[in-house]
Amino acid sequence: MPPKIIIHTDGAASGNPGPGGYGAVLQSGDYYKEISQGFKLTTNNRMELLAVIVALESLKIEKSEVTIYTDSKYVCDAVEKGWVFSW
């Protein structure tokens, strides 16, 4: 049975564009992984999206059950309103 994975993400930028970064925490049972990166010139929305993208790309087991938690309305709308499927 594939594992259940919980991912918490966040992204930010100081200025738009400006310096910024993202972070993600992946949890599955006792497994815990942190991912983060900074950029000299970026936007808040780019960092919010990149946090989710990088976290999902880091998954190793196909067909895992994944739950993502984000405080980004932009990320939620991108999925719930289907924008992401035309990008």
PDB file of N, CA and C in Angstrom:
ATOM      1  N   MET A   1       0.838  -1.177   0.000  1.00  0.00           N
ATOM      2  CA  MET A   1       0.000   0.000   0.000  1.00  0.00           C
ATOM      3  C   MET A   1       0.889   1.248   0.000  1.00  0.00           C
ATOM      4  N   PRO A   2       0.659   2.196  -0.938  1.00  0.00           N
ATOM      5  CA  PRO A   2       1.463   3.426  -0.977  1.00  0.00           C
ATOM      6  C   PRO A   2       1.283   4.245   0.303  1.00  0.00           C
ATOM      7  N   PRO A   3       2.314   4.988   0.679  1.00  0.00           N
ATOM      8  CA  PRO A   3       2.240   5.760   1.920  1.00  0.00           C
ATOM      9  C   PRO A   3       1.330   6.984   1.794  1.00  0.00           C
ATOM     10  N   LYS A   4       0.852   7.448   2.949  1.00  0.00           N
ATOM     11  CA  LYS A   4       0.127   8.713   3.020  1.00  0.00           C
ATOM     12  C   LYS A   4       1.144   9.784   3.369  1.00  0.00           C
ATOM     13  N   ILE A   5       1.152  10.852   2.591  1.00  0.00           N
ATOM     14  CA  ILE A   5       2.136  11.910   2.771  1.00  0.00           C
ATOM     15  C   ILE A   5       1.409  13.237   2.996  1.00  0.00           C
ATOM     16  N   ILE A   6       1.850  13.975   3.991  1.00  0.00           N
ATOM     17  CA  ILE A   6       1.319  15.305   4.266  1.00  0.00           C
ATOM     18  C   ILE A   6       2.411  16.305   3.934  1.00  0.00           C
ATOM     19  N   ILE A   7       2.040  17.341   3.171  1.00  0.00           N
ATOM     20  CA  ILE A   7       2.994  18.371   2.770  1.00  0.00           C
ATOM     21  C   ILE A   7       2.468  19.734   3.215  1.00  0.00           C
ATOM     22  N   HIS A   8       3.308  20.476   3.918  1.00  0.00           N
ATOM     23  CA  HIS A   8       3.005  21.858   4.298  1.00  0.00           C
ATOM     24  C   HIS A   8       3.926  22.761   3.491  1.00  0.00           C
ATOM     25  N   THR A   9       3.367  23.790   2.834  1.00  0.00           N
ATOM     26  CA  THR A   9       4.179  24.658   1.990  1.00  0.00           C
ATOM     27  C   THR A   9       3.963  26.130   2.334  1.00  0.00           C
ATOM     28  N   ASP A  10       4.965  26.935   1.994  1.00  0.00           N
ATOM     29  CA  ASP A  10       4.836  28.383   2.101  1.00  0.00           C
ATOM     30  C   ASP A  10       5.865  29.028   1.192  1.00  0.00           C
ATOM     31  N   GLY A  11       5.555  30.214   0.738  1.00  0.00           N
ATOM     32  CA  GLY A  11       6.465  30.981  -0.090  1.00  0.00           C
ATOM     33  C   GLY A  11       6.254  32.456   0.170  1.00  0.00           C
ATOM     34  N   ALA A  12       7.286  33.251  -0.061  1.00  0.00           N
ATOM     35  CA  ALA A  12       7.182  34.687   0.187  1.00  0.00           C
ATOM     36  C   ALA A  12       8.221  35.439  -0.620  1.00  0.00           C
ATOM     37  N   ALA A  13       7.958  36.729  -0.802  1.00  0.00           N
ATOM     38  CA  ALA A  13       8.924  37.632  -1.422  1.00  0.00           C
ATOM     39  C   ALA A  13       8.780  38.989  -0.752  1.00  0.00           C
ATOM     40  N   SER A  14       9.884  39.671  -0.607  1.00  0.00           N
ATOM     41  CA  SER A  14       9.888  41.016  -0.044  1.00  0.00           C
ATOM     42  C   SER A  14       9.979  41.987  -1.219  1.00  0.00           C
ATOM     43  N   GLY A  15       8.834  42.556  -1.578  1.00  0.00           N
ATOM     44  CA  GLY A  15       8.734  43.297  -2.822  1.00  0.00           C
ATOM     45  C   GLY A  15       8.157  42.364  -3.862  1.00  0.00           C
ATOM     46  N   ASN A  16       7.710  42.918  -4.959  1.00  0.00           N
ATOM     47  CA  ASN A  16       7.081  42.081  -5.964  1.00  0.00           C
ATOM     48  C   ASN A  16       7.413  42.620  -7.353  1.00  0.00           C
ATOM     49  N   PRO A  17       8.563  42.308  -7.929  1.00  0.00           N
ATOM     50  CA  PRO A  17       9.501  41.273  -7.477  1.00  0.00           C
ATOM     51  C   PRO A  17      10.492  41.800  -6.442  1.00  0.00           C
ATOM     52  N   GLY A  18      11.132  40.832  -5.796  1.00  0.00           N
ATOM     53  CA  GLY A  18      12.145  41.116  -4.801  1.00  0.00           C
ATOM     54  C   GLY A  18      12.765  39.822  -4.325  1.00  0.00           C
ATOM     55  N   PRO A  19      13.608  39.888  -3.287  1.00  0.00           N
ATOM     56  CA  PRO A  19      14.181  38.658  -2.746  1.00  0.00           C
ATOM     57  C   PRO A  19      13.097  37.822  -2.073  1.00  0.00           C
ATOM     58  N   GLY A  20      13.219  36.512  -2.204  1.00  0.00           N
ATOM     59  CA  GLY A  20      12.199  35.647  -1.612  1.00  0.00           C
ATOM     60  C   GLY A  20      12.671  34.217  -1.524  1.00  0.00           C
ATOM     61  N   GLY A  21      11.739  33.348  -1.153  1.00  0.00           N
ATOM     62  CA  GLY A  21      12.063  31.937  -1.045  1.00  0.00           C
ATOM     63  C   GLY A  21      10.833  31.115  -0.745  1.00  0.00           C
ATOM     64  N   TYR A  22      11.043  29.824  -0.694  1.00  0.00           N
ATOM     65  CA  TYR A  22       9.952  28.901  -0.379  1.00  0.00           C
ATOM     66  C   TYR A  22      10.443  27.851   0.596  1.00  0.00           C
ATOM     67  N   GLY A  23       9.485  27.192   1.210  1.00  0.00           N
ATOM     68  CA  GLY A  23       9.796  26.075   2.091  1.00  0.00           C
ATOM     69  C   GLY A  23       8.683  25.054   2.030  1.00  0.00           C
ATOM     70  N   ALA A  24       9.040  23.805   2.257  1.00  0.00           N
ATOM     71  CA  ALA A  24       8.062  22.726   2.299  1.00  0.00           C
ATOM     72  C   ALA A  24       8.519  21.698   3.325  1.00  0.00           C
ATOM     73  N   VAL A  25       7.552  21.148   4.042  1.00  0.00           N
ATOM     74  CA  VAL A  25       7.818  20.069   4.997  1.00  0.00           C
ATOM     75  C   VAL A  25       6.979  18.879   4.561  1.00  0.00           C
ATOM     76  N   LEU A  26       7.631  17.737   4.364  1.00  0.00           N
ATOM     77  CA  LEU A  26       6.951  16.506   3.986  1.00  0.00           C
ATOM     78  C   LEU A  26       6.983  15.555   5.164  1.00  0.00           C
ATOM     79  N   GLN A  27       5.836  14.956   5.473  1.00  0.00           N
ATOM     80  CA  GLN A  27       5.747  14.007   6.582  1.00  0.00           C
ATOM     81  C   GLN A  27       5.012  12.750   6.139  1.00  0.00           C
ATOM     82  N   SER A  28       5.549  11.617   6.529  1.00  0.00           N
ATOM     83  CA  SER A  28       4.904  10.336   6.296  1.00  0.00           C
ATOM     84  C   SER A  28       5.343   9.396   7.410  1.00  0.00           C
ATOM     85  N   GLY A  29       4.444   9.134   8.342  1.00  0.00           N
ATOM     86  CA  GLY A  29       4.817   8.315   9.494  1.00  0.00           C
ATOM     87  C   GLY A  29       5.947   8.976  10.251  1.00  0.00           C
ATOM     88  N   ASP A  30       7.041   8.252  10.469  1.00  0.00           N
ATOM     89  CA  ASP A  30       8.201   8.800  11.167  1.00  0.00           C
ATOM     90  C   ASP A  30       9.132   9.582  10.240  1.00  0.00           C
ATOM     91  N   TYR A  31       8.857   9.548   8.936  1.00  0.00           N
ATOM     92  CA  TYR A  31       9.698  10.225   7.951  1.00  0.00           C
ATOM     93  C   TYR A  31       9.359  11.713   7.914  1.00  0.00           C
ATOM     94  N   TYR A  32      10.398  12.547   7.868  1.00  0.00           N
ATOM     95  CA  TYR A  32      10.234  13.993   7.884  1.00  0.00           C
ATOM     96  C   TYR A  32      11.320  14.607   7.019  1.00  0.00           C
ATOM     97  N   LYS A  33      10.934  15.482   6.106  1.00  0.00           N
ATOM     98  CA  LYS A  33      11.919  16.106   5.222  1.00  0.00           C
ATOM     99  C   LYS A  33      11.570  17.577   5.044  1.00  0.00           C
ATOM    100  N   GLU A  34      12.585  18.429   5.100  1.00  0.00           N
ATOM    101  CA  GLU A  34      12.406  19.860   4.858  1.00  0.00           C
ATOM    102  C   GLU A  34      13.112  20.233   3.561  1.00  0.00           C
ATOM    103  N   ILE A  35      12.463  21.077   2.771  1.00  0.00           N
ATOM    104  CA  ILE A  35      13.034  21.567   1.517  1.00  0.00           C
ATOM    105  C   ILE A  35      12.865  23.081   1.505  1.00  0.00           C
ATOM    106  N   SER A  36      13.909  23.795   1.127  1.00  0.00           N
ATOM    107  CA  SER A  36      13.782  25.254   1.010  1.00  0.00           C
ATOM    108  C   SER A  36      14.828  25.783   0.037  1.00  0.00           C
ATOM    109  N   GLN A  37      14.545  26.961  -0.497  1.00  0.00           N
ATOM    110  CA  GLN A  37      15.485  27.613  -1.393  1.00  0.00           C
ATOM    111  C   GLN A  37      15.137  29.090  -1.460  1.00  0.00           C
ATOM    112  N   GLY A  38      16.157  29.928  -1.649  1.00  0.00           N
ATOM    113  CA  GLY A  38      15.956  31.363  -1.775  1.00  0.00           C
ATOM    114  C   GLY A  38      16.332  31.851  -3.164  1.00  0.00           C
ATOM    115  N   PHE A  39      15.777  32.990  -3.541  1.00  0.00           N
ATOM    116  CA  PHE A  39      16.031  33.594  -4.844  1.00  0.00           C
ATOM    117  C   PHE A  39      16.250  35.092  -4.672  1.00  0.00           C
ATOM    118  N   LYS A  40      17.126  35.668  -5.486  1.00  0.00           N
ATOM    119  CA  LYS A  40      17.416  37.105  -5.399  1.00  0.00           C
ATOM    120  C   LYS A  40      16.281  37.961  -5.931  1.00  0.00           C
ATOM    121  N   LEU A  41      15.605  37.507  -6.967  1.00  0.00           N
ATOM    122  CA  LEU A  41      14.557  38.295  -7.599  1.00  0.00           C
ATOM    123  C   LEU A  41      13.407  37.381  -7.989  1.00  0.00           C
ATOM    124  N   THR A  42      12.273  37.507  -7.300  1.00  0.00           N
ATOM    125  CA  THR A  42      11.155  36.609  -7.536  1.00  0.00           C
ATOM    126  C   THR A  42       9.861  37.275  -7.086  1.00  0.00           C
ATOM    127  N   THR A  43       8.764  36.551  -7.183  1.00  0.00           N
ATOM    128  CA  THR A  43       7.474  37.057  -6.713  1.00  0.00           C
ATOM    129  C   THR A  43       6.888  36.104  -5.679  1.00  0.00           C
ATOM    130  N   ASN A  44       5.964  36.613  -4.908  1.00  0.00           N
ATOM    131  CA  ASN A  44       5.305  35.809  -3.890  1.00  0.00           C
ATOM    132  C   ASN A  44       4.584  34.610  -4.526  1.00  0.00           C
ATOM    133  N   ASN A  45       3.804  34.862  -5.577  1.00  0.00           N
ATOM    134  CA  ASN A  45       3.054  33.764  -6.201  1.00  0.00           C
ATOM    135  C   ASN A  45       3.972  32.701  -6.780  1.00  0.00           C
ATOM    136  N   ARG A  46       5.083  33.121  -7.363  1.00  0.00           N
ATOM    137  CA  ARG A  46       6.041  32.138  -7.894  1.00  0.00           C
ATOM    138  C   ARG A  46       6.563  31.247  -6.776  1.00  0.00           C
ATOM    139  N   MET A  47       6.874  31.831  -5.627  1.00  0.00           N
ATOM    140  CA  MET A  47       7.414  31.053  -4.516  1.00  0.00           C
ATOM    141  C   MET A  47       6.360  30.122  -3.925  1.00  0.00           C
ATOM    142  N   GLU A  48       5.119  30.588  -3.834  1.00  0.00           N
ATOM    143  CA  GLU A  48       4.041  29.726  -3.334  1.00  0.00           C
ATOM    144  C   GLU A  48       3.864  28.509  -4.236  1.00  0.00           C
ATOM    145  N   LEU A  49       3.835  28.735  -5.546  1.00  0.00           N
ATOM    146  CA  LEU A  49       3.695  27.623  -6.496  1.00  0.00           C
ATOM    147  C   LEU A  49       4.913  26.712  -6.494  1.00  0.00           C
ATOM    148  N   LEU A  50       6.092  27.304  -6.451  1.00  0.00           N
ATOM    149  CA  LEU A  50       7.319  26.508  -6.502  1.00  0.00           C
ATOM    150  C   LEU A  50       7.444  25.599  -5.280  1.00  0.00           C
ATOM    151  N   ALA A  51       6.973  26.051  -4.133  1.00  0.00           N
ATOM    152  CA  ALA A  51       7.008  25.210  -2.930  1.00  0.00           C
ATOM    153  C   ALA A  51       6.242  23.911  -3.162  1.00  0.00           C
ATOM    154  N   VAL A  52       5.074  24.013  -3.759  1.00  0.00           N
ATOM    155  CA  VAL A  52       4.256  22.821  -4.028  1.00  0.00           C
ATOM    156  C   VAL A  52       4.903  21.961  -5.109  1.00  0.00           C
ATOM    157  N   ILE A  53       5.366  22.590  -6.164  1.00  0.00           N
ATOM    158  CA  ILE A  53       5.967  21.853  -7.279  1.00  0.00           C
ATOM    159  C   ILE A  53       7.189  21.067  -6.828  1.00  0.00           C
ATOM    160  N   VAL A  54       8.095  21.717  -6.114  1.00  0.00           N
ATOM    161  CA  VAL A  54       9.327  21.050  -5.672  1.00  0.00           C
ATOM    162  C   VAL A  54       9.007  19.927  -4.688  1.00  0.00           C
ATOM    163  N   ALA A  55       8.050  20.163  -3.806  1.00  0.00           N
ATOM    164  CA  ALA A  55       7.669  19.109  -2.853  1.00  0.00           C
ATOM    165  C   ALA A  55       7.131  17.889  -3.592  1.00  0.00           C
ATOM    166  N   LEU A  56       6.249  18.101  -4.551  1.00  0.00           N
ATOM    167  CA  LEU A  56       5.691  16.973  -5.305  1.00  0.00           C
ATOM    168  C   LEU A  56       6.760  16.273  -6.144  1.00  0.00           C
ATOM    169  N   GLU A  57       7.677  17.041  -6.718  1.00  0.00           N
ATOM    170  CA  GLU A  57       8.755  16.437  -7.507  1.00  0.00           C
ATOM    171  C   GLU A  57       9.701  15.594  -6.650  1.00  0.00           C
ATOM    172  N   SER A  58       9.761  15.874  -5.362  1.00  0.00           N
ATOM    173  CA  SER A  58      10.684  15.135  -4.495  1.00  0.00           C
ATOM    174  C   SER A  58      10.122  13.784  -4.049  1.00  0.00           C
ATOM    175  N   LEU A  59       8.851  13.521  -4.323  1.00  0.00           N
ATOM    176  CA  LEU A  59       8.245  12.249  -3.918  1.00  0.00           C
ATOM    177  C   LEU A  59       8.876  11.105  -4.696  1.00  0.00           C
ATOM    178  N   LYS A  60       9.105   9.998  -4.016  1.00  0.00           N
ATOM    179  CA  LYS A  60       9.796   8.858  -4.620  1.00  0.00           C
ATOM    180  C   LYS A  60       8.868   7.691  -4.966  1.00  0.00           C
ATOM    181  N   ILE A  61       7.722   7.604  -4.273  1.00  0.00           N
ATOM    182  CA  ILE A  61       6.840   6.451  -4.464  1.00  0.00           C
ATOM    183  C   ILE A  61       5.596   6.882  -5.229  1.00  0.00           C
ATOM    184  N   GLU A  62       5.378   6.266  -6.387  1.00  0.00           N
ATOM    185  CA  GLU A  62       4.218   6.599  -7.204  1.00  0.00           C
ATOM    186  C   GLU A  62       2.921   6.199  -6.512  1.00  0.00           C
ATOM    187  N   LYS A  63       1.859   6.925  -6.836  1.00  0.00           N
ATOM    188  CA  LYS A  63       0.502   6.661  -6.363  1.00  0.00           C
ATOM    189  C   LYS A  63       0.369   6.824  -4.853  1.00  0.00           C
ATOM    190  N   SER A  64       1.232   7.628  -4.252  1.00  0.00           N
ATOM    191  CA  SER A  64       1.091   7.932  -2.828  1.00  0.00           C
ATOM    192  C   SER A  64      -0.131   8.820  -2.635  1.00  0.00           C
ATOM    193  N   GLU A  65      -0.761   8.691  -1.493  1.00  0.00           N
ATOM    194  CA  GLU A  65      -1.869   9.579  -1.148  1.00  0.00           C
ATOM    195  C   GLU A  65      -1.256  10.832  -0.531  1.00  0.00           C
ATOM    196  N   VAL A  66      -1.459  11.972  -1.183  1.00  0.00           N
ATOM    197  CA  VAL A  66      -0.808  13.215  -0.769  1.00  0.00           C
ATOM    198  C   VAL A  66      -1.857  14.256  -0.386  1.00  0.00           C
ATOM    199  N   THR A  67      -1.655  14.892   0.751  1.00  0.00           N
ATOM    200  CA  THR A  67      -2.469  16.021   1.189  1.00  0.00           C
ATOM    201  C   THR A  67      -1.542  17.219   1.317  1.00  0.00           C
ATOM    202  N   ILE A  68      -1.917  18.325   0.661  1.00  0.00           N
ATOM    203  CA  ILE A  68      -1.097  19.534   0.701  1.00  0.00           C
ATOM    204  C   ILE A  68      -1.822  20.609   1.487  1.00  0.00           C
ATOM    205  N   TYR A  69      -1.096  21.232   2.411  1.00  0.00           N
ATOM    206  CA  TYR A  69      -1.606  22.363   3.174  1.00  0.00           C
ATOM    207  C   TYR A  69      -0.848  23.608   2.749  1.00  0.00           C
ATOM    208  N   THR A  70      -1.593  24.656   2.379  1.00  0.00           N
ATOM    209  CA  THR A  70      -1.001  25.921   1.968  1.00  0.00           C
ATOM    210  C   THR A  70      -1.861  27.067   2.482  1.00  0.00           C
ATOM    211  N   ASP A  71      -1.234  28.202   2.706  1.00  0.00           N
ATOM    212  CA  ASP A  71      -1.998  29.390   3.078  1.00  0.00           C
ATOM    213  C   ASP A  71      -2.208  30.303   1.871  1.00  0.00           C
ATOM    214  N   SER A  72      -1.866  29.813   0.694  1.00  0.00           N
ATOM    215  CA  SER A  72      -1.918  30.616  -0.523  1.00  0.00           C
ATOM    216  C   SER A  72      -3.245  30.445  -1.251  1.00  0.00           C
ATOM    217  N   LYS A  73      -4.025  31.505  -1.321  1.00  0.00           N
ATOM    218  CA  LYS A  73      -5.269  31.476  -2.092  1.00  0.00           C
ATOM    219  C   LYS A  73      -4.959  31.262  -3.572  1.00  0.00           C
ATOM    220  N   TYR A  74      -3.848  31.822  -4.028  1.00  0.00           N
ATOM    221  CA  TYR A  74      -3.444  31.669  -5.418  1.00  0.00           C
ATOM    222  C   TYR A  74      -3.228  30.193  -5.766  1.00  0.00           C
ATOM    223  N   VAL A  75      -2.526  29.454  -4.916  1.00  0.00           N
ATOM    224  CA  VAL A  75      -2.281  28.033  -5.155  1.00  0.00           C
ATOM    225  C   VAL A  75      -3.598  27.255  -5.105  1.00  0.00           C
ATOM    226  N   CYS A  76      -4.421  27.535  -4.098  1.00  0.00           N
ATOM    227  CA  CYS A  76      -5.714  26.838  -3.987  1.00  0.00           C
ATOM    228  C   CYS A  76      -6.583  27.097  -5.214  1.00  0.00           C
ATOM    229  N   ASP A  77      -6.684  28.371  -5.617  1.00  0.00           N
ATOM    230  CA  ASP A  77      -7.487  28.706  -6.794  1.00  0.00           C
ATOM    231  C   ASP A  77      -6.931  28.059  -8.061  1.00  0.00           C
ATOM    232  N   ALA A  78      -5.609  27.996  -8.174  1.00  0.00           N
ATOM    233  CA  ALA A  78      -4.993  27.393  -9.356  1.00  0.00           C
ATOM    234  C   ALA A  78      -5.455  25.951  -9.546  1.00  0.00           C
ATOM    235  N   VAL A  79      -5.611  25.227  -8.445  1.00  0.00           N
ATOM    236  CA  VAL A  79      -6.046  23.829  -8.520  1.00  0.00           C
ATOM    237  C   VAL A  79      -7.568  23.742  -8.583  1.00  0.00           C
ATOM    238  N   GLU A  80      -8.246  24.401  -7.644  1.00  0.00           N
ATOM    239  CA  GLU A  80      -9.707  24.280  -7.548  1.00  0.00           C
ATOM    240  C   GLU A  80     -10.432  24.852  -8.765  1.00  0.00           C
ATOM    241  N   LYS A  81      -9.892  25.908  -9.363  1.00  0.00           N
ATOM    242  CA  LYS A  81     -10.532  26.517 -10.533  1.00  0.00           C
ATOM    243  C   LYS A  81      -9.974  25.971 -11.842  1.00  0.00           C
ATOM    244  N   GLY A  82      -8.991  25.060 -11.735  1.00  0.00           N
ATOM    245  CA  GLY A  82      -8.474  24.375 -12.917  1.00  0.00           C
ATOM    246  C   GLY A  82      -7.471  25.133 -13.738  1.00  0.00           C
ATOM    247  N   TRP A  83      -6.985  26.290 -13.266  1.00  0.00           N
ATOM    248  CA  TRP A  83      -6.008  27.063 -14.042  1.00  0.00           C
ATOM    249  C   TRP A  83      -4.763  26.237 -14.323  1.00  0.00           C
ATOM    250  N   VAL A  84      -4.316  25.475 -13.318  1.00  0.00           N
ATOM    251  CA  VAL A  84      -3.060  24.743 -13.415  1.00  0.00           C
ATOM    252  C   VAL A  84      -3.064  23.754 -14.597  1.00  0.00           C
ATOM    253  N   PHE A  85      -4.216  23.294 -14.982  1.00  0.00           N
ATOM    254  CA  PHE A  85      -4.286  22.293 -16.045  1.00  0.00           C
ATOM    255  C   PHE A  85      -4.112  22.884 -17.440  1.00  0.00           C
ATOM    256  N   SER A  86      -4.130  24.228 -17.529  1.00  0.00           N
ATOM    257  CA  SER A  86      -3.894  24.862 -18.825  1.00  0.00           C
ATOM    258  C   SER A  86      -2.544  25.581 -18.864  1.00  0.00           C
ATOM    259  N   TRP A  87      -1.761  25.490 -17.799  1.00  0.00           N
ATOM    260  CA  TRP A  87      -0.451  26.150 -17.752  1.00  0.00           C
ATOM    261  C   TRP A  87       0.582  25.329 -18.464  1.00  0.00           C
TER     262      TRP A  87
END
